[in-house]
Protein backbone atom coordinates (compact mmCIF):
# COMPACT_ATOMS: atom_id res chain seq x y z
CA MET A 1 -8.44 39.73 -81.37
CA ARG A 2 -5.11 38.79 -79.85
CA THR A 3 -5.69 41.29 -77.03
CA GLN A 4 -9.14 39.85 -76.29
CA SER A 5 -7.79 36.29 -76.35
CA ALA A 6 -5.00 37.16 -73.93
CA TRP A 7 -7.52 38.90 -71.70
CA ALA A 8 -9.77 35.83 -71.72
CA TRP A 9 -6.90 33.49 -70.85
CA GLY A 10 -5.94 35.80 -67.99
CA ILE A 11 -9.47 35.70 -66.57
CA LEU A 12 -9.47 31.88 -66.82
CA ALA A 13 -6.15 31.63 -64.93
CA VAL A 14 -7.46 33.85 -62.11
CA ALA A 15 -10.63 31.75 -61.88
CA CYS A 16 -8.56 28.56 -61.55
CA LEU A 17 -6.48 30.10 -58.79
CA LEU A 18 -9.59 31.15 -56.88
CA ALA A 19 -11.03 27.67 -57.26
CA THR A 20 -7.85 26.28 -55.72
CA LEU A 21 -8.11 28.62 -52.75
CA HIS A 22 -11.87 28.06 -52.20
CA PRO A 23 -12.69 24.56 -53.44
CA ALA A 24 -16.26 23.29 -53.39
CA ASP A 25 -15.64 19.56 -52.60
CA GLY A 26 -15.26 18.06 -49.10
CA VAL A 27 -11.67 16.90 -49.63
CA GLY A 28 -10.51 20.38 -50.65
CA GLN A 29 -12.24 21.89 -47.65
CA ALA A 30 -10.50 19.51 -45.31
CA SER A 31 -7.14 20.45 -46.82
CA ALA A 32 -7.85 24.14 -46.34
CA LYS A 33 -8.72 23.55 -42.69
CA VAL A 34 -5.47 21.70 -42.10
CA ILE A 35 -3.52 24.73 -43.31
CA VAL A 36 -5.00 27.05 -40.69
CA GLN A 37 -4.96 24.59 -37.78
CA PRO A 38 -2.34 25.11 -35.03
CA THR A 39 0.23 22.45 -34.26
CA PRO A 40 -1.58 19.31 -33.04
CA ALA A 41 -1.57 18.77 -29.27
CA GLU A 42 -0.02 15.32 -29.76
CA ALA A 43 3.23 16.98 -30.78
CA THR A 44 3.85 17.97 -27.14
CA PRO A 45 3.73 15.78 -24.02
CA ALA A 46 0.13 15.31 -22.86
CA PRO A 47 -0.59 17.22 -19.64
CA GLN A 48 -2.41 15.67 -16.70
CA VAL A 49 -6.14 15.63 -17.36
CA ASN A 50 -8.19 17.76 -14.99
CA GLU A 51 -11.28 15.56 -14.62
CA ALA A 52 -13.43 18.35 -13.18
CA ALA A 53 -12.47 20.69 -16.03
CA ALA A 54 -13.12 17.97 -18.61
CA LYS A 55 -16.60 17.32 -17.19
CA SER A 56 -17.29 21.07 -17.11
CA PHE A 57 -16.31 21.38 -20.78
CA VAL A 58 -18.59 18.52 -21.79
CA LEU A 59 -21.51 19.97 -19.83
CA GLU A 60 -21.04 23.50 -21.17
CA SER A 61 -20.28 22.63 -24.80
CA GLY A 62 -22.53 19.60 -25.07
CA ARG A 63 -19.70 17.80 -26.88
CA ASP A 64 -17.52 14.89 -25.80
CA GLU A 65 -14.82 14.57 -28.44
CA LEU A 66 -13.54 11.24 -27.14
CA LEU A 67 -17.03 9.76 -27.21
CA GLU A 68 -17.59 11.08 -30.73
CA GLN A 69 -14.30 9.51 -31.83
CA LEU A 70 -15.27 6.12 -30.35
CA ARG A 71 -18.63 6.22 -32.11
CA ALA A 72 -16.99 7.03 -35.44
CA GLU A 73 -14.40 4.27 -35.07
CA SER A 74 -17.02 1.73 -33.98
CA ARG A 75 -18.81 2.17 -37.33
CA GLN A 76 -15.76 0.90 -39.21
CA PRO A 77 -15.63 -2.79 -40.29
CA ARG A 78 -12.64 -3.35 -37.98
CA GLY A 79 -13.88 -1.13 -35.19
CA GLY A 80 -14.46 -3.96 -32.71
CA GLU A 81 -12.22 -2.53 -30.00
CA ALA A 82 -13.91 0.89 -30.17
CA THR A 83 -17.34 -0.77 -30.10
CA LEU A 84 -16.31 -2.79 -27.03
CA ARG A 85 -15.13 0.35 -25.24
CA LEU A 86 -18.32 2.17 -26.14
CA GLY A 87 -20.35 -0.72 -24.71
CA LEU A 88 -18.31 -0.65 -21.51
CA LEU A 89 -19.02 3.06 -21.08
CA TYR A 90 -22.75 2.35 -21.32
CA LEU A 91 -22.44 -0.67 -19.00
CA HIS A 92 -20.80 1.39 -16.24
CA GLY A 93 -22.51 4.73 -16.90
CA LEU A 94 -19.25 6.56 -17.64
CA ARG A 95 -19.50 9.62 -19.94
CA VAL A 96 -22.99 8.43 -20.95
CA PRO A 97 -26.17 7.47 -19.05
CA GLN A 98 -26.01 3.87 -17.87
CA ASP A 99 -27.78 1.60 -20.36
CA ALA A 100 -27.12 -2.12 -19.95
CA ARG A 101 -29.38 -3.09 -22.86
CA ASN A 102 -27.47 -0.86 -25.26
CA ALA A 103 -24.20 -2.16 -23.79
CA GLN A 104 -25.12 -5.76 -24.64
CA ALA A 105 -26.07 -4.79 -28.21
CA LEU A 106 -22.68 -3.10 -28.62
CA PHE A 107 -20.86 -6.14 -27.23
CA GLU A 108 -22.66 -8.34 -29.77
CA ARG A 109 -21.61 -6.01 -32.59
CA SER A 110 -18.04 -5.92 -31.26
CA LEU A 111 -17.85 -9.72 -31.26
CA ALA A 112 -19.14 -9.77 -34.86
CA GLN A 113 -16.41 -7.27 -35.75
CA GLY A 114 -13.79 -9.73 -34.48
CA GLU A 115 -13.05 -8.39 -30.96
CA ARG A 116 -12.57 -11.57 -28.94
CA ARG A 117 -12.73 -9.88 -25.52
CA ALA A 118 -16.34 -8.93 -26.26
CA ALA A 119 -17.22 -12.59 -25.56
CA ALA A 120 -16.26 -12.07 -21.90
CA ALA A 121 -18.37 -8.90 -21.74
CA LEU A 122 -21.35 -10.78 -23.19
CA ALA A 123 -20.89 -13.62 -20.71
CA TRP A 124 -21.02 -11.07 -17.88
CA CYS A 125 -24.13 -9.45 -19.40
CA VAL A 126 -25.93 -12.81 -19.47
CA MET A 127 -24.83 -13.57 -15.91
CA ASP A 128 -25.77 -10.17 -14.50
CA GLY A 129 -28.91 -9.58 -16.59
CA CYS A 130 -28.19 -6.70 -18.97
CA VAL A 131 -31.33 -7.42 -21.03
CA ARG A 132 -33.15 -10.35 -19.46
CA SER A 133 -33.06 -11.51 -15.84
CA ALA A 134 -29.69 -12.65 -14.43
CA ASP A 135 -28.91 -16.14 -15.72
CA SER A 136 -25.86 -17.91 -14.30
CA MET A 137 -26.69 -21.16 -16.13
CA GLY A 138 -26.98 -19.32 -19.44
CA ALA A 139 -23.66 -17.62 -18.71
CA LEU A 140 -21.99 -20.99 -18.07
CA GLY A 141 -23.16 -22.22 -21.48
CA PHE A 142 -21.87 -19.07 -23.16
CA ILE A 143 -18.53 -19.35 -21.34
CA GLY A 144 -18.18 -22.95 -22.54
CA ARG A 145 -18.68 -21.93 -26.19
CA TYR A 146 -16.26 -18.99 -26.08
CA ARG A 147 -13.67 -20.11 -23.51
CA ASN A 148 -10.79 -19.88 -26.00
CA ALA A 149 -11.55 -16.20 -26.66
CA ALA A 150 -10.07 -15.20 -23.28
CA PRO A 151 -9.21 -18.35 -21.25
CA GLY A 152 -8.09 -16.75 -17.98
CA ARG A 153 -10.99 -14.30 -17.86
CA MET A 154 -13.50 -17.00 -18.78
CA ASP A 155 -12.20 -19.18 -15.91
CA TYR A 156 -12.76 -16.26 -13.54
CA LEU A 157 -16.25 -15.64 -14.94
CA GLU A 158 -17.12 -19.32 -14.49
CA TRP A 159 -15.88 -19.06 -10.89
CA LEU A 160 -18.28 -16.13 -10.42
CA ALA A 161 -21.20 -17.91 -12.09
CA LEU A 162 -20.80 -21.04 -9.96
CA GLY A 163 -20.70 -18.85 -6.86
CA ARG A 164 -24.25 -17.73 -7.67
CA GLN A 165 -25.56 -21.29 -7.52
CA MET A 166 -26.41 -23.50 -4.57
CA PRO A 167 -23.16 -24.31 -2.73
CA SER A 168 -21.85 -27.85 -2.44
CA GLU A 169 -18.49 -29.42 -1.64
CA ALA A 170 -18.01 -30.53 -5.25
CA ARG A 171 -18.88 -27.08 -6.57
CA GLU A 172 -16.50 -25.36 -4.14
CA ARG A 173 -13.68 -27.68 -5.24
CA GLN A 174 -14.46 -26.81 -8.85
CA ARG A 175 -14.45 -23.10 -8.03
CA ALA A 176 -11.08 -23.41 -6.28
CA GLN A 177 -9.64 -25.07 -9.40
CA LEU A 178 -11.07 -22.36 -11.66
CA LEU A 179 -9.67 -19.55 -9.54
CA ASP A 180 -6.29 -21.29 -9.48
CA ARG A 181 -6.35 -21.59 -13.29
CA ALA A 182 -7.26 -17.91 -13.65
CA LEU A 183 -4.37 -17.04 -11.32
CA ARG A 184 -1.95 -19.02 -13.45
CA ALA A 185 -3.22 -17.05 -16.45
CA ARG A 186 -2.39 -13.85 -14.48
CA ASP A 187 -5.99 -12.60 -14.55
CA LEU A 188 -6.03 -9.43 -12.46
CA HIS A 189 -9.53 -10.02 -11.06
CA ALA A 190 -8.49 -13.47 -9.86
CA GLN A 191 -5.37 -11.98 -8.27
CA ASN A 192 -7.44 -9.37 -6.45
CA GLU A 193 -10.04 -11.92 -5.33
CA ARG A 194 -7.46 -14.36 -4.00
CA GLY A 195 -5.75 -11.46 -2.25
CA ILE A 196 -9.02 -10.66 -0.47
CA GLN A 197 -9.32 -14.30 0.61
CA LEU A 198 -5.78 -14.27 1.98
CA PHE A 199 -6.41 -10.99 3.78
CA GLU A 200 -9.43 -12.55 5.48
CA GLU A 201 -7.21 -15.47 6.54
CA GLU A 202 -4.75 -12.87 7.94
CA ARG A 203 -2.04 -13.96 5.48
CA PHE A 204 -1.22 -10.34 4.83
CA ALA A 205 2.17 -10.67 3.13
CA GLU A 206 0.79 -13.12 0.54
CA ALA A 207 -2.24 -10.89 0.00
CA ALA A 208 0.02 -7.86 -0.55
CA GLU A 209 1.96 -9.68 -3.27
CA LEU A 210 -1.21 -10.55 -5.21
CA PHE A 211 -2.55 -7.01 -4.86
CA ARG A 212 0.81 -5.73 -6.15
CA LEU A 213 0.63 -7.98 -9.22
CA ALA A 214 -2.93 -6.89 -10.01
CA THR A 215 -1.97 -3.24 -9.52
CA GLN A 216 0.82 -3.64 -12.07
CA GLN A 217 -1.83 -4.69 -14.59
CA GLY A 218 -3.85 -1.53 -13.93
CA SER A 219 -6.32 -2.61 -11.24
CA GLN A 220 -7.36 0.45 -9.25
CA ALA A 221 -9.22 -1.73 -6.73
CA ALA A 222 -6.11 -3.82 -6.08
CA ASN A 223 -4.07 -0.65 -5.63
CA ARG A 224 -6.47 0.52 -2.93
CA ASN A 225 -6.32 -2.91 -1.29
CA LEU A 226 -2.52 -2.87 -1.39
CA GLU A 227 -2.49 0.39 0.58
CA LEU A 228 -4.79 -1.15 3.17
CA VAL A 229 -2.81 -4.36 3.61
CA ARG A 230 0.46 -2.43 3.87
CA ALA A 231 -1.10 -0.30 6.62
CA ARG A 232 -2.21 -3.50 8.38
CA LEU A 233 1.31 -4.98 8.15
CA SER A 234 2.80 -1.77 9.51
CA ASP A 235 0.27 -1.81 12.36
CA LEU A 236 1.14 -5.42 13.20
CA GLU A 237 4.85 -4.60 13.32
CA ALA A 238 4.16 -1.70 15.66
CA ARG A 239 2.01 -3.92 17.88
CA GLU A 240 4.74 -6.55 18.09
CA ALA A 241 7.29 -3.92 19.08
CA LEU A 242 5.00 -2.50 21.78
CA ALA A 243 4.08 -5.95 23.05
CA LYS A 244 7.75 -6.75 23.59
CA ALA A 245 8.28 -3.48 25.42
CA GLY A 246 5.13 -3.63 27.56
CA THR A 247 3.67 -5.99 30.16
CA PRO A 248 0.28 -7.75 30.54
CA ALA A 249 -0.55 -5.25 33.29
CA ASP A 250 -0.02 -2.37 30.85
CA ALA A 251 -2.36 -3.98 28.32
CA GLU A 252 -5.04 -4.63 30.95
CA ARG A 253 -4.81 -1.06 32.26
CA LEU A 254 -5.20 0.42 28.75
CA PHE A 255 -8.12 -1.90 27.99
CA GLY A 256 -9.85 -0.72 31.19
CA ARG A 257 -9.39 2.91 30.17
CA ALA A 258 -10.74 2.13 26.68
CA GLN A 259 -13.86 0.51 28.16
CA ALA A 260 -14.43 3.51 30.41
CA ALA A 261 -14.17 5.95 27.49
CA HIS A 262 -16.38 3.68 25.36
CA ARG A 263 -19.13 3.22 27.95
CA GLY A 264 -18.93 6.68 29.50
CA LEU A 265 -18.09 5.39 32.99
CA GLY A 266 -17.80 8.42 35.30
CA ARG A 267 -17.67 10.82 32.35
CA PRO A 268 -19.23 11.34 28.88
CA ALA A 269 -18.41 8.65 26.33
CA ASN A 270 -15.61 9.51 23.91
CA TYR A 271 -15.50 7.09 20.98
CA ALA A 272 -12.40 8.55 19.35
CA GLU A 273 -10.44 8.20 22.59
CA ALA A 274 -11.84 4.70 23.15
CA LEU A 275 -10.69 3.63 19.68
CA ALA A 276 -7.19 4.98 20.29
CA LEU A 277 -6.96 3.20 23.66
CA TYR A 278 -8.26 -0.08 22.23
CA ARG A 279 -5.50 0.11 19.63
CA GLN A 280 -2.84 0.73 22.27
CA ALA A 281 -4.12 -2.12 24.41
CA ALA A 282 -4.27 -4.50 21.44
CA ALA A 283 -0.75 -3.49 20.44
CA ARG A 284 0.44 -4.55 23.91
CA GLY A 285 -1.18 -7.95 23.57
CA SER A 286 -4.74 -7.48 24.92
CA ALA A 287 -6.93 -10.12 23.25
CA PRO A 288 -10.26 -8.51 24.21
CA ALA A 289 -9.06 -5.15 22.88
CA GLY A 290 -8.07 -6.80 19.59
CA LYS A 291 -11.48 -8.43 19.25
CA MET A 292 -13.29 -5.18 20.04
CA LEU A 293 -11.20 -3.42 17.39
CA ASN A 294 -12.27 -5.98 14.78
CA LEU A 295 -15.90 -5.44 15.72
CA ILE A 296 -15.57 -1.66 15.50
CA VAL A 297 -13.95 -1.63 12.04
CA SER A 298 -16.44 -4.17 10.66
CA ARG A 299 -19.01 -1.36 10.41
CA LEU A 300 -17.14 1.82 9.64
CA ARG A 301 -18.99 4.62 7.88
CA ALA A 302 -18.34 5.41 4.21
CA ASP A 303 -15.78 8.08 5.15
CA GLY A 304 -13.81 5.62 7.31
CA THR A 305 -14.90 7.02 10.69
CA VAL A 306 -16.59 5.03 13.45
CA ASP A 307 -20.35 4.58 13.42
CA PRO A 308 -21.66 6.10 16.70
CA ILE A 309 -24.79 3.91 16.71
CA TRP A 310 -22.67 0.79 16.30
CA MET A 311 -20.35 2.02 19.08
CA GLN A 312 -23.35 2.45 21.40
CA GLN A 313 -24.41 -1.14 20.71
CA LEU A 314 -20.88 -2.47 21.24
CA ALA A 315 -20.65 -0.66 24.58
CA LEU A 316 -23.21 -3.17 25.90
CA VAL A 317 -21.13 -6.20 24.83
CA ASP A 318 -19.09 -8.07 27.44
CA ILE A 319 -16.18 -8.74 25.11
CA GLN A 320 -14.10 -10.62 27.72
CA ARG A 321 -16.84 -13.17 28.38
CA ASP A 322 -17.39 -13.81 24.66
CA LEU A 323 -13.76 -14.32 23.60
CA ALA A 324 -14.36 -17.96 22.64
CA THR A 325 -16.62 -16.91 19.75
CA PRO A 326 -14.62 -16.79 16.49
CA LEU A 327 -14.76 -13.50 14.61
CA ARG A 328 -14.35 -13.27 10.85
CA SER A 329 -12.21 -10.53 9.40
CA ALA A 330 -13.85 -7.33 8.24
CA ALA A 331 -12.10 -7.68 4.85
CA PRO A 332 -15.27 -7.92 2.69
CA ALA A 333 -16.45 -4.55 3.98
CA LEU A 334 -13.06 -2.85 3.64
CA LEU A 335 -11.48 -4.24 0.48
CA ALA A 336 -12.41 -3.18 -3.03
CA ARG A 337 -13.36 -4.98 -6.22
CA GLU A 338 -13.71 -3.55 -9.71
CA PRO A 339 -17.27 -2.57 -10.71
CA SER A 340 -17.40 -5.50 -13.12
CA PRO A 341 -15.09 -8.32 -14.29
CA VAL A 342 -14.63 -6.52 -17.64
CA TYR A 343 -13.97 -3.03 -16.24
CA ASP A 344 -10.25 -3.32 -16.99
CA TYR A 345 -10.98 -3.54 -20.73
CA LEU A 346 -11.50 0.22 -20.58
CA PRO A 347 -8.30 2.29 -20.91
CA ALA A 348 -7.23 3.92 -17.65
CA ALA A 349 -8.12 7.37 -19.03
CA LEU A 350 -11.78 6.34 -19.22
CA ARG A 351 -11.99 4.87 -15.72
CA THR A 352 -12.76 6.68 -12.47
CA LEU A 353 -12.03 5.70 -8.88
CA ASP A 354 -15.62 6.60 -7.99
CA ALA A 355 -16.78 3.51 -9.90
CA ILE A 356 -14.91 1.11 -7.62
CA ARG A 357 -16.99 -0.59 -4.94
């Protein structure tokens, strides 16, 4: 009997050990998985993400781990930030098909979860028409109710909403005050917008400073604009140096050569050469060359090269006779804005330069 009892206890001990190694409940399974996992990637410095490789992995595997993580976190009672980010991905069509209706629903849930910035996203949805038609008046009412949620951003959104209404002197004064208030709150969209205004007024140094401040806060659009304004400042310095070294006769001679290359006088037209000569003439103080340059760059192609059809049309213009006509800067066509006034609420890792317009 003693031998049988000892044998039975031995069998029971082995069974317990096996149960420990191969548990049936979910918690035990998770523990077993942890044992065989390699050292987590977070233990080493994160390498630079290869965006093309990441997209290829998602397409081939059908899985987007970051998206799955956001969805899981957004289901938590305090998952407002994750829900906001998920809504922003749907709003901009990043990592998921663009779905403005779903984005607005997620923003509403995020606000209910306590994420105050979701109020700004909802204000933009009302203004831009995520679900219903665009409604600037409805957006103004929403902004008034939730202004304290994000004061600087709400001031900027109100500036945008008023800009979609019929202009008037009183409204423009109000918009100027709102933009100034948003600037004082260091809103990066306001900084970028005011920088664009200053660029158009040819106040390049002031514009560069605002673009720099917005870039420091993570604005990719402002960073692109900063590169452009720095190039313009460098170009102006070079022009001033050449103007001091040259004479009016030099400028006139270069402008004549530019016109000949542009119009194909005595030879085939060469737009690249004409552009280079216009720049040299403008740098030496030629006013008509400077005005022609502004006209040319006002309609550049998407890749930054000259538009040959536009160049053909400009070849027929008598730029010297029309110098009295004021010409606005080409800044709106050249400078960038973020895809939406809530785009910066996405972490930099989730944004892409291709989304900037």
